[in-house]
């Protein structure tokens, strides 16, 4: 993997005033929102294809021969649905730019040798978000089947586009953001905010916290989806702990070599 040296591009953090930090933040936000806007335009154009992809989990959850349709109850609903798909799709397409701008803002607070992980940070963020979103998409037919059947056979579901797509998008975004969990832990360790020993001692509390978090952020709330999110999040937590231990080991070796 190519390592990007961003030292020459970053301002001298020791000489930046509060106004300069706020100006830097504004610049990063403007560039991120501009990238999201461009991505939203692309998704607006590709809306028919995206809509079909989002409908596939619902169609897969139905019995063979059942009609796979959503029912519009509001004249403005088709427009609102297209705006929603374009907005969230734009955010997904702009994720590399958003992560890059985030890195450029926080990198001055890191050591010089830690600033060289820009490409790793961006690629890892994209891959983890894609894995989380893909896992959510794969589990959606089972979650939808559970939700349709739990109320009994006398209840006939008539989903509206806004409600259904809102549910689908929230599931994908919730899984995608949750899978960024190890990146947050890694950078908290790099910046000295959280010690690796603290993470190791807090395993039991973290396990409970992850289950509660998964129950809150997943719109379906069914046991299958809860398990599908909780187990990977805890495994990612252990990976972040492993990274911290390896980092501490390398630091001790550098200190020993220096002395």
C-alpha atoms as a PDB file:
ATOM      1  CA  UNK A   1       0.000   0.000   0.000  1.00  0.00           C
ATOM      2  CA  UNK A   2       1.366   3.409  -0.944  1.00  0.00           C
ATOM      3  CA  UNK A   3       2.086   5.701   1.968  1.00  0.00           C
ATOM      4  CA  UNK A   4       1.331   9.376   1.421  1.00  0.00           C
ATOM      5  CA  UNK A   5       3.634  11.928   3.029  1.00  0.00           C
ATOM      6  CA  UNK A   6       1.441  14.870   3.939  1.00  0.00           C
ATOM      7  CA  UNK A   7       3.968  16.677   6.158  1.00  0.00           C
ATOM      8  CA  UNK A   8       4.778  19.271   3.541  1.00  0.00           C
ATOM      9  CA  UNK A   9       1.119  20.099   2.988  1.00  0.00           C
ATOM     10  CA  UNK A  10       0.090  20.430   6.621  1.00  0.00           C
ATOM     11  CA  UNK A  11       0.326  23.724   8.488  1.00  0.00           C
ATOM     12  CA  UNK A  12       2.655  24.087  11.437  1.00  0.00           C
ATOM     13  CA  UNK A  13       0.333  23.235  14.302  1.00  0.00           C
ATOM     14  CA  UNK A  14       2.525  25.093  16.769  1.00  0.00           C
ATOM     15  CA  UNK A  15       1.948  28.401  14.972  1.00  0.00           C
ATOM     16  CA  UNK A  16      -1.767  28.114  14.233  1.00  0.00           C
ATOM     17  CA  UNK A  17      -4.098  30.400  16.157  1.00  0.00           C
ATOM     18  CA  UNK A  18      -7.695  29.599  17.090  1.00  0.00           C
ATOM     19  CA  UNK A  19      -8.948  31.612  14.108  1.00  0.00           C
ATOM     20  CA  UNK A  20      -6.653  29.671  11.798  1.00  0.00           C
ATOM     21  CA  UNK A  21      -7.940  26.373  13.208  1.00  0.00           C
ATOM     22  CA  UNK A  22     -11.537  27.491  12.639  1.00  0.00           C
ATOM     23  CA  UNK A  23     -10.660  28.621   9.121  1.00  0.00           C
ATOM     24  CA  UNK A  24      -9.053  25.252   8.455  1.00  0.00           C
ATOM     25  CA  UNK A  25     -12.180  23.491   9.727  1.00  0.00           C
ATOM     26  CA  UNK A  26     -14.416  25.634   7.519  1.00  0.00           C
ATOM     27  CA  UNK A  27     -12.296  24.823   4.465  1.00  0.00           C
ATOM     28  CA  UNK A  28     -12.490  21.089   5.144  1.00  0.00           C
ATOM     29  CA  UNK A  29     -16.256  21.238   5.663  1.00  0.00           C
ATOM     30  CA  UNK A  30     -16.835  23.225   2.457  1.00  0.00           C
ATOM     31  CA  UNK A  31     -14.819  20.747   0.411  1.00  0.00           C
ATOM     32  CA  UNK A  32     -16.618  17.802   1.998  1.00  0.00           C
ATOM     33  CA  UNK A  33     -20.079  19.273   1.335  1.00  0.00           C
ATOM     34  CA  UNK A  34     -19.074  20.101  -2.242  1.00  0.00           C
ATOM     35  CA  UNK A  35     -18.055  16.482  -2.811  1.00  0.00           C
ATOM     36  CA  UNK A  36     -21.350  15.276  -1.308  1.00  0.00           C
ATOM     37  CA  UNK A  37     -23.271  17.617  -3.614  1.00  0.00           C
ATOM     38  CA  UNK A  38     -21.484  16.254  -6.683  1.00  0.00           C
ATOM     39  CA  UNK A  39     -22.159  12.683  -5.531  1.00  0.00           C
ATOM     40  CA  UNK A  40     -25.838  13.550  -4.980  1.00  0.00           C
ATOM     41  CA  UNK A  41     -26.143  14.767  -8.572  1.00  0.00           C
ATOM     42  CA  UNK A  42     -24.659  11.491  -9.818  1.00  0.00           C
ATOM     43  CA  UNK A  43     -27.080   9.462  -7.686  1.00  0.00           C
ATOM     44  CA  UNK A  44     -30.016  11.609  -8.842  1.00  0.00           C
ATOM     45  CA  UNK A  45     -29.207  10.617 -12.422  1.00  0.00           C
ATOM     46  CA  UNK A  46     -28.653   6.952 -11.504  1.00  0.00           C
ATOM     47  CA  UNK A  47     -31.800   6.833  -9.331  1.00  0.00           C
ATOM     48  CA  UNK A  48     -33.732   4.141 -11.303  1.00  0.00           C
ATOM     49  CA  UNK A  49     -30.873   1.651 -10.986  1.00  0.00           C
ATOM     50  CA  UNK A  50     -30.261   2.483  -7.304  1.00  0.00           C
ATOM     51  CA  UNK A  51     -33.971   2.110  -6.517  1.00  0.00           C
ATOM     52  CA  UNK A  52     -34.042  -1.359  -8.050  1.00  0.00           C
ATOM     53  CA  UNK A  53     -31.004  -2.404  -6.002  1.00  0.00           C
ATOM     54  CA  UNK A  54     -32.684  -1.157  -2.809  1.00  0.00           C
ATOM     55  CA  UNK A  55     -35.909  -3.011  -3.694  1.00  0.00           C
ATOM     56  CA  UNK A  56     -34.176  -6.367  -4.153  1.00  0.00           C
ATOM     57  CA  UNK A  57     -34.063  -7.254  -0.395  1.00  0.00           C
ATOM     58  CA  UNK A  58     -37.814  -6.648  -0.116  1.00  0.00           C
ATOM     59  CA  UNK A  59     -38.510  -8.751  -3.197  1.00  0.00           C
ATOM     60  CA  UNK A  60     -36.286 -11.534  -1.835  1.00  0.00           C
ATOM     61  CA  UNK A  61     -38.217 -11.577   1.450  1.00  0.00           C
ATOM     62  CA  UNK A  62     -41.565 -12.216  -0.288  1.00  0.00           C
ATOM     63  CA  UNK A  63     -43.018 -15.571  -1.198  1.00  0.00           C
ATOM     64  CA  UNK A  64     -42.699 -16.679  -4.802  1.00  0.00           C
ATOM     65  CA  UNK A  65     -45.296 -14.995  -6.989  1.00  0.00           C
ATOM     66  CA  UNK A  66     -45.980 -12.136  -4.589  1.00  0.00           C
ATOM     67  CA  UNK A  67     -46.071  -8.648  -6.050  1.00  0.00           C
ATOM     68  CA  UNK A  68     -42.987  -6.610  -5.155  1.00  0.00           C
ATOM     69  CA  UNK A  69     -44.387  -3.072  -5.127  1.00  0.00           C
ATOM     70  CA  UNK A  70     -44.387  -0.038  -2.862  1.00  0.00           C
ATOM     71  CA  UNK A  71     -47.532   2.037  -2.444  1.00  0.00           C
ATOM     72  CA  UNK A  72     -47.466   5.823  -2.728  1.00  0.00           C
ATOM     73  CA  UNK A  73     -49.886   7.672  -0.448  1.00  0.00           C
ATOM     74  CA  UNK A  74     -48.614  11.204  -0.921  1.00  0.00           C
ATOM     75  CA  UNK A  75     -48.169  13.164  -4.191  1.00  0.00           C
ATOM     76  CA  UNK A  76     -44.821  14.532  -2.964  1.00  0.00           C
ATOM     77  CA  UNK A  77     -43.502  11.169  -1.831  1.00  0.00           C
ATOM     78  CA  UNK A  78     -41.784  10.168  -5.120  1.00  0.00           C
ATOM     79  CA  UNK A  79     -39.846  13.449  -5.121  1.00  0.00           C
ATOM     80  CA  UNK A  80     -38.901  13.080  -1.454  1.00  0.00           C
ATOM     81  CA  UNK A  81     -37.760   9.517  -2.041  1.00  0.00           C
ATOM     82  CA  UNK A  82     -35.535  10.554  -4.931  1.00  0.00           C
ATOM     83  CA  UNK A  83     -34.054  13.373  -2.821  1.00  0.00           C
ATOM     84  CA  UNK A  84     -33.373  10.936   0.038  1.00  0.00           C
ATOM     85  CA  UNK A  85     -31.672   8.408  -2.219  1.00  0.00           C
ATOM     86  CA  UNK A  86     -29.599  11.138  -3.885  1.00  0.00           C
ATOM     87  CA  UNK A  87     -28.541  12.608  -0.530  1.00  0.00           C
ATOM     88  CA  UNK A  88     -27.430   9.380   1.111  1.00  0.00           C
ATOM     89  CA  UNK A  89     -25.925   8.112  -2.127  1.00  0.00           C
ATOM     90  CA  UNK A  90     -23.971  11.349  -2.487  1.00  0.00           C
ATOM     91  CA  UNK A  91     -22.581  10.896   1.010  1.00  0.00           C
ATOM     92  CA  UNK A  92     -21.518   7.332   0.181  1.00  0.00           C
ATOM     93  CA  UNK A  93     -19.790   8.395  -3.048  1.00  0.00           C
ATOM     94  CA  UNK A  94     -18.076  11.324  -1.334  1.00  0.00           C
ATOM     95  CA  UNK A  95     -16.809   9.211   1.555  1.00  0.00           C
ATOM     96  CA  UNK A  96     -13.173   9.119   0.285  1.00  0.00           C
ATOM     97  CA  UNK A  97     -13.117  12.921   0.070  1.00  0.00           C
ATOM     98  CA  UNK A  98     -14.758  13.319   3.481  1.00  0.00           C
ATOM     99  CA  UNK A  99     -12.246  10.944   5.073  1.00  0.00           C
ATOM    100  CA  UNK A 100      -9.347  12.724   3.377  1.00  0.00           C
ATOM    101  CA  UNK A 101     -10.542  16.129   4.631  1.00  0.00           C
ATOM    102  CA  UNK A 102     -11.019  14.671   8.115  1.00  0.00           C
ATOM    103  CA  UNK A 103      -7.476  13.342   8.058  1.00  0.00           C
ATOM    104  CA  UNK A 104      -6.048  16.663   6.884  1.00  0.00           C
ATOM    105  CA  UNK A 105      -7.755  18.385   9.821  1.00  0.00           C
ATOM    106  CA  UNK A 106      -6.670  15.991  12.594  1.00  0.00           C
ATOM    107  CA  UNK A 107      -3.194  15.100  11.269  1.00  0.00           C
ATOM    108  CA  UNK A 108      -1.431  18.191  12.749  1.00  0.00           C
ATOM    109  CA  UNK A 109      -2.206  16.818  16.209  1.00  0.00           C
ATOM    110  CA  UNK A 110      -0.263  13.606  15.510  1.00  0.00           C
ATOM    111  CA  UNK A 111       3.439  12.821  15.599  1.00  0.00           C
ATOM    112  CA  UNK A 112       5.371  13.101  12.340  1.00  0.00           C
ATOM    113  CA  UNK A 113       5.722   9.344  11.859  1.00  0.00           C
ATOM    114  CA  UNK A 114       1.987   8.898  12.527  1.00  0.00           C
ATOM    115  CA  UNK A 115       1.038  11.376   9.815  1.00  0.00           C
ATOM    116  CA  UNK A 116       2.245   8.968   7.185  1.00  0.00           C
ATOM    117  CA  UNK A 117      -0.791   6.719   7.505  1.00  0.00           C
ATOM    118  CA  UNK A 118      -3.112   8.893   5.402  1.00  0.00           C
ATOM    119  CA  UNK A 119      -3.723   6.306   2.687  1.00  0.00           C
ATOM    120  CA  UNK A 120      -4.222   3.559   5.281  1.00  0.00           C
ATOM    121  CA  UNK A 121      -6.760   5.708   7.137  1.00  0.00           C
ATOM    122  CA  UNK A 122      -8.771   6.487   4.000  1.00  0.00           C
ATOM    123  CA  UNK A 123      -8.691   2.996   2.488  1.00  0.00           C
ATOM    124  CA  UNK A 124      -9.532   1.353   5.817  1.00  0.00           C
ATOM    125  CA  UNK A 125     -12.458   3.717   6.352  1.00  0.00           C
ATOM    126  CA  UNK A 126     -13.874   2.998   2.901  1.00  0.00           C
ATOM    127  CA  UNK A 127     -13.391  -0.771   3.166  1.00  0.00           C
ATOM    128  CA  UNK A 128     -14.938  -0.977   6.645  1.00  0.00           C
ATOM    129  CA  UNK A 129     -17.932   1.152   5.662  1.00  0.00           C
ATOM    130  CA  UNK A 130     -18.453  -1.005   2.555  1.00  0.00           C
ATOM    131  CA  UNK A 131     -18.197  -4.203   4.621  1.00  0.00           C
ATOM    132  CA  UNK A 132     -20.719  -2.893   7.143  1.00  0.00           C
ATOM    133  CA  UNK A 133     -23.132  -1.737   4.455  1.00  0.00           C
ATOM    134  CA  UNK A 134     -22.733  -5.005   2.560  1.00  0.00           C
ATOM    135  CA  UNK A 135     -23.442  -7.027   5.690  1.00  0.00           C
ATOM    136  CA  UNK A 136     -26.578  -4.974   6.342  1.00  0.00           C
ATOM    137  CA  UNK A 137     -27.764  -5.446   2.752  1.00  0.00           C
ATOM    138  CA  UNK A 138     -27.183  -9.210   2.997  1.00  0.00           C
ATOM    139  CA  UNK A 139     -29.142  -9.484   6.265  1.00  0.00           C
ATOM    140  CA  UNK A 140     -32.080  -7.301   5.131  1.00  0.00           C
ATOM    141  CA  UNK A 141     -34.243 -10.067   3.539  1.00  0.00           C
ATOM    142  CA  UNK A 142     -34.134 -12.045   6.794  1.00  0.00           C
ATOM    143  CA  UNK A 143     -34.890  -8.964   8.878  1.00  0.00           C
ATOM    144  CA  UNK A 144     -37.810  -8.033   6.627  1.00  0.00           C
ATOM    145  CA  UNK A 145     -39.212 -11.570   6.743  1.00  0.00           C
ATOM    146  CA  UNK A 146     -39.038 -11.534  10.539  1.00  0.00           C
ATOM    147  CA  UNK A 147     -40.780  -8.163  10.769  1.00  0.00           C
ATOM    148  CA  UNK A 148     -43.519  -9.155   8.304  1.00  0.00           C
ATOM    149  CA  UNK A 149     -44.281 -12.454  10.044  1.00  0.00           C
ATOM    150  CA  UNK A 150     -43.976 -11.425  13.689  1.00  0.00           C
ATOM    151  CA  UNK A 151     -47.375  -9.700  13.693  1.00  0.00           C
ATOM    152  CA  UNK A 152     -49.297 -12.679  12.394  1.00  0.00           C
ATOM    153  CA  UNK A 153     -50.944 -13.634   9.117  1.00  0.00           C
ATOM    154  CA  UNK A 154     -53.860 -11.217   9.581  1.00  0.00           C
ATOM    155  CA  UNK A 155     -51.575  -8.212   9.065  1.00  0.00           C
ATOM    156  CA  UNK A 156     -50.946  -7.410   5.406  1.00  0.00           C
ATOM    157  CA  UNK A 157     -47.947  -5.064   4.962  1.00  0.00           C
ATOM    158  CA  UNK A 158     -48.319  -2.212   2.465  1.00  0.00           C
ATOM    159  CA  UNK A 159     -44.984  -0.421   2.544  1.00  0.00           C
ATOM    160  CA  UNK A 160     -44.660   3.121   1.272  1.00  0.00           C
ATOM    161  CA  UNK A 161     -41.449   4.126  -0.553  1.00  0.00           C
ATOM    162  CA  UNK A 162     -40.479   6.705   2.071  1.00  0.00           C
ATOM    163  CA  UNK A 163     -40.895   4.283   4.974  1.00  0.00           C
ATOM    164  CA  UNK A 164     -39.273   1.321   3.264  1.00  0.00           C
ATOM    165  CA  UNK A 165     -36.290   3.170   1.800  1.00  0.00           C
ATOM    166  CA  UNK A 166     -35.816   5.064   5.048  1.00  0.00           C
ATOM    167  CA  UNK A 167     -35.585   1.712   6.829  1.00  0.00           C
ATOM    168  CA  UNK A 168     -33.158   0.256   4.263  1.00  0.00           C
ATOM    169  CA  UNK A 169     -30.886   3.313   4.207  1.00  0.00           C
ATOM    170  CA  UNK A 170     -30.809   3.599   7.998  1.00  0.00           C
ATOM    171  CA  UNK A 171     -29.798  -0.052   8.261  1.00  0.00           C
ATOM    172  CA  UNK A 172     -26.975   0.307   5.732  1.00  0.00           C
ATOM    173  CA  UNK A 173     -25.711   3.577   7.221  1.00  0.00           C
ATOM    174  CA  UNK A 174     -25.943   2.222  10.786  1.00  0.00           C
ATOM    175  CA  UNK A 175     -23.876  -0.839   9.890  1.00  0.00           C
ATOM    176  CA  UNK A 176     -21.404   1.173   7.814  1.00  0.00           C
ATOM    177  CA  UNK A 177     -20.774   3.771  10.533  1.00  0.00           C
ATOM    178  CA  UNK A 178     -20.593   1.096  13.235  1.00  0.00           C
ATOM    179  CA  UNK A 179     -17.831  -0.659  11.314  1.00  0.00           C
ATOM    180  CA  UNK A 180     -15.732   2.542  11.592  1.00  0.00           C
ATOM    181  CA  UNK A 181     -15.489   1.739  15.320  1.00  0.00           C
ATOM    182  CA  UNK A 182     -11.920   0.341  15.210  1.00  0.00           C
ATOM    183  CA  UNK A 183     -10.613   3.370  13.313  1.00  0.00           C
ATOM    184  CA  UNK A 184     -11.879   5.632  16.085  1.00  0.00           C
ATOM    185  CA  UNK A 185     -10.234   3.442  18.728  1.00  0.00           C
ATOM    186  CA  UNK A 186      -6.955   3.310  16.804  1.00  0.00           C
ATOM    187  CA  UNK A 187      -6.732   7.084  16.518  1.00  0.00           C
ATOM    188  CA  UNK A 188      -7.712   7.601  20.146  1.00  0.00           C
ATOM    189  CA  UNK A 189      -4.766   5.383  21.034  1.00  0.00           C
ATOM    190  CA  UNK A 190      -2.471   7.197  18.604  1.00  0.00           C
ATOM    191  CA  UNK A 191      -3.389  10.566  20.103  1.00  0.00           C
ATOM    192  CA  UNK A 192      -2.968   9.298  23.657  1.00  0.00           C
ATOM    193  CA  UNK A 193      -6.627   9.822  24.613  1.00  0.00           C
ATOM    194  CA  UNK A 194      -7.246   6.146  25.425  1.00  0.00           C
ATOM    195  CA  UNK A 195      -4.639   3.693  26.668  1.00  0.00           C
ATOM    196  CA  UNK A 196      -4.514   0.180  25.268  1.00  0.00           C
ATOM    197  CA  UNK A 197      -4.589  -1.204  28.799  1.00  0.00           C
ATOM    198  CA  UNK A 198      -7.887   0.628  29.385  1.00  0.00           C
ATOM    199  CA  UNK A 199      -9.398  -1.077  26.342  1.00  0.00           C
ATOM    200  CA  UNK A 200      -8.195  -4.466  27.541  1.00  0.00           C
ATOM    201  CA  UNK A 201      -9.664  -3.984  31.018  1.00  0.00           C
ATOM    202  CA  UNK A 202     -12.980  -2.798  29.598  1.00  0.00           C
ATOM    203  CA  UNK A 203     -13.785  -5.841  27.477  1.00  0.00           C
ATOM    204  CA  UNK A 204     -16.806  -6.948  29.539  1.00  0.00           C
ATOM    205  CA  UNK A 205     -18.344  -3.481  29.653  1.00  0.00           C
ATOM    206  CA  UNK A 206     -17.651  -2.988  25.964  1.00  0.00           C
ATOM    207  CA  UNK A 207     -19.430  -6.226  25.075  1.00  0.00           C
ATOM    208  CA  UNK A 208     -22.565  -5.088  26.889  1.00  0.00           C
ATOM    209  CA  UNK A 209     -22.269  -1.582  25.416  1.00  0.00           C
ATOM    210  CA  UNK A 210     -21.976  -2.953  21.875  1.00  0.00           C
ATOM    211  CA  UNK A 211     -25.140  -5.043  22.266  1.00  0.00           C
ATOM    212  CA  UNK A 212     -27.054  -2.039  23.636  1.00  0.00           C
ATOM    213  CA  UNK A 213     -25.686   0.182  20.860  1.00  0.00           C
ATOM    214  CA  UNK A 214     -26.651  -2.360  18.182  1.00  0.00           C
ATOM    215  CA  UNK A 215     -30.168  -2.617  19.625  1.00  0.00           C
ATOM    216  CA  UNK A 216     -30.541   1.169  19.470  1.00  0.00           C
ATOM    217  CA  UNK A 217     -29.098   1.905  16.024  1.00  0.00           C
ATOM    218  CA  UNK A 218     -30.661  -0.987  14.082  1.00  0.00           C
ATOM    219  CA  UNK A 219     -34.175   0.003  12.967  1.00  0.00           C
ATOM    220  CA  UNK A 220     -35.457  -3.576  12.833  1.00  0.00           C
ATOM    221  CA  UNK A 221     -34.477  -4.629  16.361  1.00  0.00           C
ATOM    222  CA  UNK A 222     -34.766  -8.312  15.488  1.00  0.00           C
ATOM    223  CA  UNK A 223     -32.379 -10.813  17.124  1.00  0.00           C
ATOM    224  CA  UNK A 224     -30.756 -11.844  13.844  1.00  0.00           C
ATOM    225  CA  UNK A 225     -29.786  -8.263  12.903  1.00  0.00           C
ATOM    226  CA  UNK A 226     -28.671  -7.573  16.472  1.00  0.00           C
ATOM    227  CA  UNK A 227     -26.292 -10.526  16.335  1.00  0.00           C
ATOM    228  CA  UNK A 228     -25.066  -9.639  12.840  1.00  0.00           C
ATOM    229  CA  UNK A 229     -23.952  -6.216  14.055  1.00  0.00           C
ATOM    230  CA  UNK A 230     -22.791  -7.020  17.596  1.00  0.00           C
ATOM    231  CA  UNK A 231     -20.418  -9.882  16.770  1.00  0.00           C
ATOM    232  CA  UNK A 232     -18.409  -8.063  14.052  1.00  0.00           C
ATOM    233  CA  UNK A 233     -18.203  -4.907  16.184  1.00  0.00           C
ATOM    234  CA  UNK A 234     -16.681  -6.826  19.065  1.00  0.00           C
ATOM    235  CA  UNK A 235     -14.222  -8.558  16.733  1.00  0.00           C
ATOM    236  CA  UNK A 236     -13.219  -5.130  15.392  1.00  0.00           C
ATOM    237  CA  UNK A 237     -12.766  -3.977  18.989  1.00  0.00           C
ATOM    238  CA  UNK A 238     -10.315  -6.823  19.561  1.00  0.00           C
ATOM    239  CA  UNK A 239      -8.473  -5.875  16.363  1.00  0.00           C
ATOM    240  CA  UNK A 240      -8.085  -2.306  17.665  1.00  0.00           C
ATOM    241  CA  UNK A 241      -6.656  -3.716  20.921  1.00  0.00           C
ATOM    242  CA  UNK A 242      -4.227  -5.880  18.945  1.00  0.00           C
ATOM    243  CA  UNK A 243      -3.079  -2.850  16.979  1.00  0.00           C
ATOM    244  CA  UNK A 244      -2.490  -0.918  20.202  1.00  0.00           C
ATOM    245  CA  UNK A 245      -0.392  -3.727  21.677  1.00  0.00           C
ATOM    246  CA  UNK A 246       1.734  -3.962  18.533  1.00  0.00           C
ATOM    247  CA  UNK A 247       2.161  -0.182  18.545  1.00  0.00           C
ATOM    248  CA  UNK A 248       3.282  -0.192  22.182  1.00  0.00           C
ATOM    249  CA  UNK A 249       5.732  -3.009  21.427  1.00  0.00           C
ATOM    250  CA  UNK A 250       7.262  -1.023  18.550  1.00  0.00           C
ATOM    251  CA  UNK A 251       7.510   2.057  20.774  1.00  0.00           C
ATOM    252  CA  UNK A 252       9.386   0.080  23.441  1.00  0.00           C
ATOM    253  CA  UNK A 253      11.781  -1.245  20.826  1.00  0.00           C
ATOM    254  CA  UNK A 254      12.487   2.288  19.543  1.00  0.00           C
ATOM    255  CA  UNK A 255      13.123   3.492  23.082  1.00  0.00           C
ATOM    256  CA  UNK A 256      15.430   0.578  23.751  1.00  0.00           C
ATOM    257  CA  UNK A 257      17.347   1.226  20.535  1.00  0.00           C
ATOM    258  CA  UNK A 258      17.636   4.929  21.348  1.00  0.00           C
ATOM    259  CA  UNK A 259      18.977   4.244  24.830  1.00  0.00           C
END
